[in-house]
Amino acid sequence: MPPRLPPPTSTETAGRLRSIRRRLHFTPAFHQVDMMSVVHNVQYFYWFEQGRLQIMEELMPLDDAVKLGVAMPVVENHCLYHKPVRYGDPLLLLTEHHCLSAWEGRLVFSHSLVHRKLKTEMACGWSTATLIEVASGRLVKEWPKDLWQRYLSLADGDRAPGREE
């Protein structure tokens, strides 16, 4: 799988915004680096998770997931490290999800970690999550209608109530 998601097809974009994009600004903390002040590789997956959860919380807050008896486990994670990130680097994480026209059993999120001052991509990657029923551990075949409508409204560029970019 390539590090970037393919662009949406023309049928997906006809008259609609077909992706959800979020930005997250942060600076690596001291506990995230090794003795050479380079960020440990596991931290990138934590940052990717923060980007993914920024979108997922708008779609289905944890309280809603618990009420529905569902969870969204990650089933795949990838990261390509281009340049070392160091303690104190001003970073911007761009997370994007190309929306589906119908549920296919998984959601793929692409991530780009950019040094804000240098305007350089430091790393990129993608993660894939699925939706399961907690009690049975089985894949959810069809989303509840109201949840799917919320997903489509996020794809149209709407934000969940009370959320700021």
N, C-alpha and C. Protein backbone atom coordinates (compact mmCIF):
# COMPACT_ATOMS: atom_id res chain seq x y z
N MET A 1 0.85 -1.18 0.00
CA MET A 1 0.00 0.00 0.00
C MET A 1 0.89 1.24 0.00
N PRO A 2 0.60 2.21 -0.86
CA PRO A 2 1.42 3.42 -0.92
C PRO A 2 1.20 4.28 0.32
N PRO A 3 2.18 5.14 0.65
CA PRO A 3 2.04 5.97 1.84
C PRO A 3 0.95 7.02 1.73
N ARG A 4 0.53 7.32 0.55
CA ARG A 4 -0.53 8.31 0.34
C ARG A 4 -1.75 7.58 -0.21
N LEU A 5 -2.90 8.04 0.19
CA LEU A 5 -4.12 7.48 -0.36
C LEU A 5 -4.33 8.00 -1.76
N PRO A 6 -4.90 7.17 -2.64
CA PRO A 6 -5.19 7.68 -3.98
C PRO A 6 -6.26 8.76 -3.89
N PRO A 7 -6.24 9.71 -4.82
CA PRO A 7 -7.27 10.75 -4.79
C PRO A 7 -8.63 10.13 -5.04
N PRO A 8 -9.68 10.75 -4.52
CA PRO A 8 -11.01 10.22 -4.75
C PRO A 8 -11.35 10.25 -6.24
N THR A 9 -12.21 9.35 -6.66
CA THR A 9 -12.60 9.29 -8.07
C THR A 9 -13.54 10.45 -8.37
N SER A 10 -13.76 10.70 -9.67
CA SER A 10 -14.63 11.82 -10.05
C SER A 10 -16.05 11.60 -9.57
N THR A 11 -16.53 10.36 -9.49
CA THR A 11 -17.88 10.12 -8.99
C THR A 11 -17.97 10.42 -7.50
N GLU A 12 -16.89 10.23 -6.78
CA GLU A 12 -16.89 10.54 -5.35
C GLU A 12 -16.86 12.04 -5.09
N THR A 13 -16.25 12.80 -5.99
CA THR A 13 -16.10 14.23 -5.76
C THR A 13 -17.17 15.06 -6.46
N ALA A 14 -18.01 14.43 -7.26
CA ALA A 14 -19.02 15.18 -8.01
C ALA A 14 -19.91 15.98 -7.06
N GLY A 15 -19.68 17.29 -7.00
CA GLY A 15 -20.52 18.17 -6.20
C GLY A 15 -20.33 18.06 -4.70
N ARG A 16 -19.34 17.33 -4.22
CA ARG A 16 -19.16 17.15 -2.78
C ARG A 16 -17.68 17.15 -2.42
N LEU A 17 -17.41 17.62 -1.20
CA LEU A 17 -16.08 17.46 -0.63
C LEU A 17 -16.02 16.03 -0.12
N ARG A 18 -15.06 15.24 -0.57
CA ARG A 18 -15.06 13.82 -0.26
C ARG A 18 -13.93 13.39 0.66
N SER A 19 -13.40 14.28 1.45
CA SER A 19 -12.40 13.86 2.43
C SER A 19 -12.54 14.71 3.68
N ILE A 20 -12.05 14.15 4.77
CA ILE A 20 -12.04 14.84 6.06
C ILE A 20 -10.58 15.11 6.38
N ARG A 21 -10.24 16.36 6.66
CA ARG A 21 -8.86 16.74 6.95
C ARG A 21 -8.80 17.47 8.29
N ARG A 22 -7.81 17.13 9.08
CA ARG A 22 -7.60 17.80 10.36
C ARG A 22 -6.12 18.10 10.55
N ARG A 23 -5.84 19.17 11.32
CA ARG A 23 -4.47 19.61 11.61
C ARG A 23 -4.26 19.60 13.11
N LEU A 24 -3.06 19.25 13.51
CA LEU A 24 -2.71 19.21 14.92
C LEU A 24 -1.29 19.77 15.08
N HIS A 25 -1.16 20.85 15.86
CA HIS A 25 0.15 21.48 16.12
C HIS A 25 0.68 20.97 17.46
N PHE A 26 1.96 20.65 17.51
CA PHE A 26 2.57 20.22 18.77
C PHE A 26 4.09 20.28 18.66
N THR A 27 4.73 20.10 19.80
CA THR A 27 6.19 20.08 19.90
C THR A 27 6.57 18.84 20.70
N PRO A 28 7.52 18.03 20.23
CA PRO A 28 7.92 16.84 20.99
C PRO A 28 8.40 17.21 22.40
N ALA A 29 7.97 16.43 23.37
CA ALA A 29 8.37 16.63 24.76
C ALA A 29 9.69 15.90 25.04
N PHE A 30 10.32 16.28 26.13
CA PHE A 30 11.61 15.69 26.49
C PHE A 30 11.53 14.18 26.66
N HIS A 31 10.44 13.68 27.25
CA HIS A 31 10.33 12.23 27.49
C HIS A 31 10.14 11.43 26.20
N GLN A 32 9.92 12.09 25.06
CA GLN A 32 9.72 11.40 23.79
C GLN A 32 11.00 11.21 22.98
N VAL A 33 12.12 11.69 23.51
CA VAL A 33 13.38 11.62 22.76
C VAL A 33 14.40 10.74 23.46
N ASP A 34 15.41 10.31 22.69
CA ASP A 34 16.50 9.52 23.25
C ASP A 34 17.64 10.45 23.67
N MET A 35 18.79 9.88 24.03
CA MET A 35 19.89 10.70 24.54
C MET A 35 20.54 11.59 23.47
N MET A 36 20.16 11.38 22.20
CA MET A 36 20.66 12.24 21.12
C MET A 36 19.63 13.30 20.74
N SER A 37 18.57 13.42 21.55
CA SER A 37 17.46 14.37 21.33
C SER A 37 16.64 14.06 20.09
N VAL A 38 16.69 12.81 19.62
CA VAL A 38 15.90 12.36 18.48
C VAL A 38 14.67 11.63 19.00
N VAL A 39 13.52 11.94 18.43
CA VAL A 39 12.27 11.31 18.84
C VAL A 39 12.31 9.81 18.55
N HIS A 40 11.88 9.01 19.52
CA HIS A 40 11.82 7.56 19.36
C HIS A 40 10.74 7.20 18.34
N ASN A 41 10.98 6.16 17.55
CA ASN A 41 10.08 5.81 16.44
C ASN A 41 8.65 5.49 16.88
N VAL A 42 8.44 4.99 18.07
CA VAL A 42 7.09 4.64 18.52
C VAL A 42 6.21 5.88 18.68
N GLN A 43 6.81 7.04 18.92
CA GLN A 43 6.04 8.27 19.13
C GLN A 43 5.25 8.67 17.88
N TYR A 44 5.76 8.35 16.71
CA TYR A 44 5.07 8.71 15.48
C TYR A 44 3.70 8.05 15.44
N PHE A 45 3.60 6.81 15.89
CA PHE A 45 2.31 6.11 15.89
C PHE A 45 1.36 6.73 16.92
N TYR A 46 1.91 7.20 18.02
CA TYR A 46 1.08 7.92 19.00
C TYR A 46 0.53 9.19 18.35
N TRP A 47 1.38 9.93 17.64
CA TRP A 47 0.92 11.15 16.97
C TRP A 47 -0.11 10.84 15.89
N PHE A 48 0.12 9.77 15.12
CA PHE A 48 -0.86 9.38 14.11
C PHE A 48 -2.20 9.05 14.77
N GLU A 49 -2.13 8.40 15.93
CA GLU A 49 -3.36 8.08 16.66
C GLU A 49 -4.10 9.36 17.06
N GLN A 50 -3.37 10.38 17.49
CA GLN A 50 -4.00 11.64 17.87
C GLN A 50 -4.73 12.26 16.67
N GLY A 51 -4.12 12.20 15.50
CA GLY A 51 -4.76 12.71 14.29
C GLY A 51 -6.01 11.92 13.93
N ARG A 52 -5.90 10.61 13.99
CA ARG A 52 -7.04 9.75 13.68
C ARG A 52 -8.18 9.98 14.68
N LEU A 53 -7.83 10.06 15.97
CA LEU A 53 -8.86 10.25 16.99
C LEU A 53 -9.52 11.63 16.90
N GLN A 54 -8.80 12.61 16.39
CA GLN A 54 -9.39 13.93 16.19
C GLN A 54 -10.59 13.82 15.25
N ILE A 55 -10.47 13.01 14.22
CA ILE A 55 -11.58 12.78 13.29
C ILE A 55 -12.62 11.85 13.92
N MET A 56 -12.17 10.77 14.53
CA MET A 56 -13.10 9.77 15.08
C MET A 56 -13.96 10.35 16.20
N GLU A 57 -13.40 11.23 17.03
CA GLU A 57 -14.19 11.83 18.12
C GLU A 57 -15.34 12.67 17.57
N GLU A 58 -15.15 13.29 16.42
CA GLU A 58 -16.23 14.05 15.79
C GLU A 58 -17.28 13.11 15.22
N LEU A 59 -16.84 11.99 14.71
CA LEU A 59 -17.75 11.03 14.13
C LEU A 59 -18.51 10.26 15.20
N MET A 60 -17.77 9.71 16.17
CA MET A 60 -18.40 8.88 17.19
C MET A 60 -17.63 9.04 18.50
N PRO A 61 -18.05 9.98 19.35
CA PRO A 61 -17.40 10.12 20.66
C PRO A 61 -17.41 8.79 21.42
N LEU A 62 -16.45 8.62 22.30
CA LEU A 62 -16.30 7.37 23.05
C LEU A 62 -17.59 6.97 23.77
N ASP A 63 -18.29 7.92 24.37
CA ASP A 63 -19.55 7.61 25.05
C ASP A 63 -20.57 6.99 24.09
N ASP A 64 -20.64 7.52 22.87
CA ASP A 64 -21.56 6.97 21.87
C ASP A 64 -21.15 5.55 21.48
N ALA A 65 -19.86 5.32 21.32
CA ALA A 65 -19.37 3.99 20.96
C ALA A 65 -19.71 2.98 22.05
N VAL A 66 -19.55 3.37 23.31
CA VAL A 66 -19.87 2.48 24.43
C VAL A 66 -21.36 2.15 24.41
N LYS A 67 -22.21 3.15 24.21
CA LYS A 67 -23.67 2.93 24.16
C LYS A 67 -24.05 2.00 23.02
N LEU A 68 -23.37 2.14 21.88
CA LEU A 68 -23.65 1.29 20.72
C LEU A 68 -23.01 -0.09 20.84
N GLY A 69 -22.07 -0.24 21.77
CA GLY A 69 -21.38 -1.51 21.94
C GLY A 69 -20.39 -1.81 20.82
N VAL A 70 -19.76 -0.75 20.30
CA VAL A 70 -18.81 -0.92 19.20
C VAL A 70 -17.45 -0.32 19.57
N ALA A 71 -16.43 -0.77 18.85
CA ALA A 71 -15.08 -0.24 19.00
C ALA A 71 -14.46 -0.15 17.62
N MET A 72 -13.43 0.69 17.50
CA MET A 72 -12.77 0.87 16.22
C MET A 72 -11.28 0.56 16.36
N PRO A 73 -10.92 -0.73 16.36
CA PRO A 73 -9.50 -1.09 16.52
C PRO A 73 -8.69 -0.81 15.25
N VAL A 74 -7.43 -0.47 15.47
CA VAL A 74 -6.49 -0.30 14.36
C VAL A 74 -6.04 -1.69 13.93
N VAL A 75 -6.08 -1.94 12.64
CA VAL A 75 -5.67 -3.25 12.11
C VAL A 75 -4.40 -3.15 11.26
N GLU A 76 -3.95 -1.91 10.99
CA GLU A 76 -2.75 -1.73 10.19
C GLU A 76 -2.16 -0.35 10.49
N ASN A 77 -0.84 -0.28 10.62
CA ASN A 77 -0.12 0.97 10.88
C ASN A 77 1.18 0.98 10.08
N HIS A 78 1.46 2.08 9.41
CA HIS A 78 2.71 2.20 8.65
C HIS A 78 3.28 3.60 8.85
N CYS A 79 4.60 3.70 8.84
CA CYS A 79 5.27 4.99 8.93
C CYS A 79 6.55 4.97 8.11
N LEU A 80 6.74 5.99 7.32
CA LEU A 80 7.98 6.20 6.58
C LEU A 80 8.68 7.40 7.20
N TYR A 81 9.89 7.19 7.69
CA TYR A 81 10.65 8.23 8.37
C TYR A 81 11.58 8.90 7.37
N HIS A 82 11.35 10.18 7.07
CA HIS A 82 12.17 10.88 6.09
C HIS A 82 13.36 11.59 6.73
N LYS A 83 13.11 12.28 7.84
CA LYS A 83 14.15 13.04 8.54
C LYS A 83 13.92 12.89 10.04
N PRO A 84 14.97 12.93 10.84
CA PRO A 84 14.77 12.78 12.29
C PRO A 84 14.06 14.01 12.88
N VAL A 85 13.12 13.73 13.76
CA VAL A 85 12.45 14.79 14.52
C VAL A 85 13.18 14.90 15.85
N ARG A 86 13.43 16.13 16.28
CA ARG A 86 14.20 16.37 17.50
C ARG A 86 13.37 17.09 18.54
N TYR A 87 13.84 17.00 19.76
CA TYR A 87 13.21 17.69 20.87
C TYR A 87 13.03 19.17 20.53
N GLY A 88 11.83 19.68 20.73
CA GLY A 88 11.56 21.10 20.51
C GLY A 88 11.16 21.48 19.10
N ASP A 89 11.22 20.56 18.13
CA ASP A 89 10.82 20.90 16.76
C ASP A 89 9.34 21.28 16.71
N PRO A 90 9.01 22.41 16.07
CA PRO A 90 7.60 22.77 15.92
C PRO A 90 7.00 21.93 14.80
N LEU A 91 5.98 21.12 15.11
CA LEU A 91 5.44 20.17 14.15
C LEU A 91 3.97 20.43 13.84
N LEU A 92 3.58 20.00 12.66
CA LEU A 92 2.20 20.02 12.23
C LEU A 92 1.88 18.63 11.69
N LEU A 93 0.85 18.01 12.26
CA LEU A 93 0.39 16.72 11.75
C LEU A 93 -0.86 16.97 10.93
N LEU A 94 -0.82 16.56 9.67
CA LEU A 94 -1.98 16.63 8.79
C LEU A 94 -2.53 15.22 8.67
N THR A 95 -3.79 15.05 9.02
CA THR A 95 -4.43 13.74 8.91
C THR A 95 -5.61 13.88 7.96
N GLU A 96 -5.74 12.92 7.05
CA GLU A 96 -6.80 12.96 6.05
C GLU A 96 -7.44 11.58 5.92
N HIS A 97 -8.74 11.61 5.73
CA HIS A 97 -9.47 10.37 5.45
C HIS A 97 -10.30 10.60 4.20
N HIS A 98 -10.05 9.82 3.16
CA HIS A 98 -10.88 9.87 1.96
C HIS A 98 -12.14 9.07 2.25
N CYS A 99 -13.27 9.71 2.09
CA CYS A 99 -14.54 9.12 2.51
C CYS A 99 -15.02 8.05 1.55
N LEU A 100 -15.80 7.17 2.12
CA LEU A 100 -16.38 6.05 1.38
C LEU A 100 -17.81 6.40 1.00
N SER A 101 -18.27 5.91 -0.14
CA SER A 101 -19.67 6.11 -0.49
C SER A 101 -20.53 5.02 0.13
N ALA A 102 -19.90 3.92 0.52
CA ALA A 102 -20.59 2.83 1.22
C ALA A 102 -19.57 2.16 2.13
N TRP A 103 -20.03 1.60 3.23
CA TRP A 103 -19.15 0.96 4.21
C TRP A 103 -18.46 -0.25 3.60
N GLU A 104 -17.13 -0.28 3.66
CA GLU A 104 -16.34 -1.36 3.09
C GLU A 104 -15.61 -2.18 4.14
N GLY A 105 -15.92 -1.92 5.41
CA GLY A 105 -15.31 -2.70 6.48
C GLY A 105 -14.05 -2.10 7.07
N ARG A 106 -13.60 -0.96 6.54
CA ARG A 106 -12.40 -0.33 7.09
C ARG A 106 -12.38 1.15 6.73
N LEU A 107 -11.66 1.92 7.54
CA LEU A 107 -11.41 3.34 7.29
C LEU A 107 -9.90 3.54 7.26
N VAL A 108 -9.41 4.19 6.23
CA VAL A 108 -7.97 4.42 6.09
C VAL A 108 -7.70 5.91 6.30
N PHE A 109 -6.68 6.19 7.10
CA PHE A 109 -6.28 7.56 7.40
C PHE A 109 -4.84 7.75 6.94
N SER A 110 -4.56 8.84 6.23
CA SER A 110 -3.18 9.15 5.85
C SER A 110 -2.68 10.27 6.74
N HIS A 111 -1.38 10.26 7.00
CA HIS A 111 -0.76 11.21 7.93
C HIS A 111 0.50 11.79 7.29
N SER A 112 0.70 13.09 7.50
CA SER A 112 1.92 13.76 7.07
C SER A 112 2.40 14.62 8.23
N LEU A 113 3.61 14.37 8.69
CA LEU A 113 4.20 15.12 9.79
C LEU A 113 5.19 16.13 9.21
N VAL A 114 4.89 17.42 9.39
CA VAL A 114 5.66 18.50 8.77
C VAL A 114 6.33 19.36 9.84
N HIS A 115 7.60 19.71 9.60
CA HIS A 115 8.31 20.67 10.45
C HIS A 115 7.78 22.04 10.05
N ARG A 116 7.15 22.75 11.00
CA ARG A 116 6.47 24.01 10.67
C ARG A 116 7.43 25.10 10.18
N LYS A 117 8.62 25.21 10.75
CA LYS A 117 9.54 26.26 10.33
C LYS A 117 10.24 25.92 9.02
N LEU A 118 10.68 24.67 8.89
CA LEU A 118 11.42 24.25 7.69
C LEU A 118 10.50 23.93 6.51
N LYS A 119 9.19 23.76 6.79
CA LYS A 119 8.21 23.38 5.75
C LYS A 119 8.64 22.09 5.06
N THR A 120 9.14 21.14 5.86
CA THR A 120 9.65 19.87 5.35
C THR A 120 8.86 18.72 5.94
N GLU A 121 8.50 17.76 5.10
CA GLU A 121 7.83 16.57 5.62
C GLU A 121 8.87 15.69 6.31
N MET A 122 8.65 15.43 7.58
CA MET A 122 9.58 14.64 8.39
C MET A 122 9.24 13.15 8.32
N ALA A 123 7.95 12.85 8.23
CA ALA A 123 7.49 11.46 8.15
C ALA A 123 6.09 11.46 7.54
N CYS A 124 5.71 10.32 7.03
CA CYS A 124 4.34 10.15 6.54
C CYS A 124 3.94 8.70 6.80
N GLY A 125 2.66 8.46 6.76
CA GLY A 125 2.21 7.09 6.99
C GLY A 125 0.71 6.98 6.83
N TRP A 126 0.21 5.81 7.18
CA TRP A 126 -1.22 5.58 7.13
C TRP A 126 -1.59 4.55 8.18
N SER A 127 -2.85 4.61 8.57
CA SER A 127 -3.38 3.64 9.52
C SER A 127 -4.77 3.23 9.06
N THR A 128 -5.12 2.01 9.34
CA THR A 128 -6.41 1.46 8.96
C THR A 128 -7.13 0.96 10.20
N ALA A 129 -8.38 1.34 10.32
CA ALA A 129 -9.20 0.90 11.45
C ALA A 129 -10.46 0.24 10.91
N THR A 130 -11.08 -0.58 11.73
CA THR A 130 -12.32 -1.22 11.36
C THR A 130 -13.31 -1.02 12.50
N LEU A 131 -14.56 -1.35 12.29
CA LEU A 131 -15.60 -1.20 13.31
C LEU A 131 -16.10 -2.58 13.70
N ILE A 132 -16.01 -2.90 14.99
CA ILE A 132 -16.44 -4.21 15.46
C ILE A 132 -17.48 -4.07 16.57
N GLU A 133 -18.27 -5.13 16.75
CA GLU A 133 -19.16 -5.25 17.91
C GLU A 133 -18.30 -5.76 19.05
N VAL A 134 -18.30 -5.05 20.17
CA VAL A 134 -17.44 -5.42 21.29
C VAL A 134 -17.81 -6.80 21.83
N ALA A 135 -19.09 -7.07 22.01
CA ALA A 135 -19.54 -8.33 22.63
C ALA A 135 -19.10 -9.56 21.83
N SER A 136 -19.24 -9.49 20.51
CA SER A 136 -18.93 -10.66 19.68
C SER A 136 -17.55 -10.61 19.04
N GLY A 137 -16.98 -9.40 18.92
CA GLY A 137 -15.72 -9.24 18.22
C GLY A 137 -15.86 -9.31 16.72
N ARG A 138 -17.09 -9.29 16.24
CA ARG A 138 -17.34 -9.39 14.79
C ARG A 138 -17.39 -8.03 14.13
N LEU A 139 -17.02 -8.03 12.86
CA LEU A 139 -17.06 -6.83 12.04
C LEU A 139 -18.50 -6.32 11.93
N VAL A 140 -18.68 -5.02 12.05
CA VAL A 140 -19.99 -4.41 11.85
C VAL A 140 -20.24 -4.34 10.35
N LYS A 141 -21.31 -4.98 9.91
CA LYS A 141 -21.61 -5.05 8.47
C LYS A 141 -22.26 -3.78 7.95
N GLU A 142 -23.04 -3.14 8.82
CA GLU A 142 -23.73 -1.92 8.40
C GLU A 142 -23.77 -0.94 9.57
N TRP A 143 -23.41 0.31 9.31
CA TRP A 143 -23.42 1.32 10.36
C TRP A 143 -24.85 1.75 10.66
N PRO A 144 -25.11 2.13 11.91
CA PRO A 144 -26.41 2.73 12.20
C PRO A 144 -26.63 3.96 11.31
N LYS A 145 -27.85 4.14 10.85
CA LYS A 145 -28.15 5.19 9.87
C LYS A 145 -27.71 6.59 10.34
N ASP A 146 -27.98 6.94 11.61
CA ASP A 146 -27.62 8.26 12.09
C ASP A 146 -26.09 8.45 12.13
N LEU A 147 -25.36 7.40 12.43
CA LEU A 147 -23.90 7.46 12.44
C LEU A 147 -23.36 7.64 11.02
N TRP A 148 -23.94 6.93 10.06
CA TRP A 148 -23.51 7.07 8.67
C TRP A 148 -23.79 8.48 8.16
N GLN A 149 -24.94 9.06 8.55
CA GLN A 149 -25.26 10.42 8.15
C GLN A 149 -24.26 11.42 8.74
N ARG A 150 -23.85 11.19 9.98
CA ARG A 150 -22.84 12.05 10.61
C ARG A 150 -21.52 11.95 9.84
N TYR A 151 -21.16 10.74 9.45
CA TYR A 151 -19.95 10.52 8.66
C TYR A 151 -20.02 11.30 7.34
N LEU A 152 -21.14 11.20 6.65
CA LEU A 152 -21.28 11.90 5.38
C LEU A 152 -21.27 13.41 5.57
N SER A 153 -21.82 13.91 6.67
CA SER A 153 -21.81 15.36 6.90
C SER A 153 -20.39 15.85 7.19
N LEU A 154 -19.58 15.04 7.88
CA LEU A 154 -18.17 15.40 8.07
C LEU A 154 -17.45 15.44 6.73
N ALA A 155 -17.80 14.52 5.84
CA ALA A 155 -17.20 14.49 4.51
C ALA A 155 -17.57 15.73 3.71
N ASP A 156 -18.71 16.32 4.03
CA ASP A 156 -19.14 17.54 3.35
C ASP A 156 -18.48 18.79 3.92
N GLY A 157 -17.63 18.59 4.93
CA GLY A 157 -16.91 19.72 5.50
C GLY A 157 -17.53 20.25 6.77
N ASP A 158 -18.63 19.67 7.23
CA ASP A 158 -19.24 20.10 8.49
C ASP A 158 -18.39 19.64 9.65
N ARG A 159 -18.48 20.35 10.76
CA ARG A 159 -17.77 19.96 11.97
C ARG A 159 -18.81 19.62 13.02
N ALA A 160 -18.43 18.71 13.89
CA ALA A 160 -19.32 18.35 14.98
C ALA A 160 -19.58 19.60 15.83
N PRO A 161 -20.76 19.70 16.44
CA PRO A 161 -21.07 20.87 17.27
C PRO A 161 -20.03 21.05 18.36
N GLY A 162 -19.63 22.32 18.58
CA GLY A 162 -18.68 22.63 19.63
C GLY A 162 -17.23 22.34 19.30
N ARG A 163 -16.94 21.94 18.06
CA ARG A 163 -15.55 21.60 17.68
C ARG A 163 -14.95 22.75 16.89
N GLU A 164 -13.71 23.04 17.20
CA GLU A 164 -12.96 24.09 16.48
C GLU A 164 -11.83 23.43 15.72
N GLU A 165 -11.44 23.98 14.59
CA GLU A 165 -10.28 23.47 13.84
C GLU A 165 -9.03 24.02 14.43
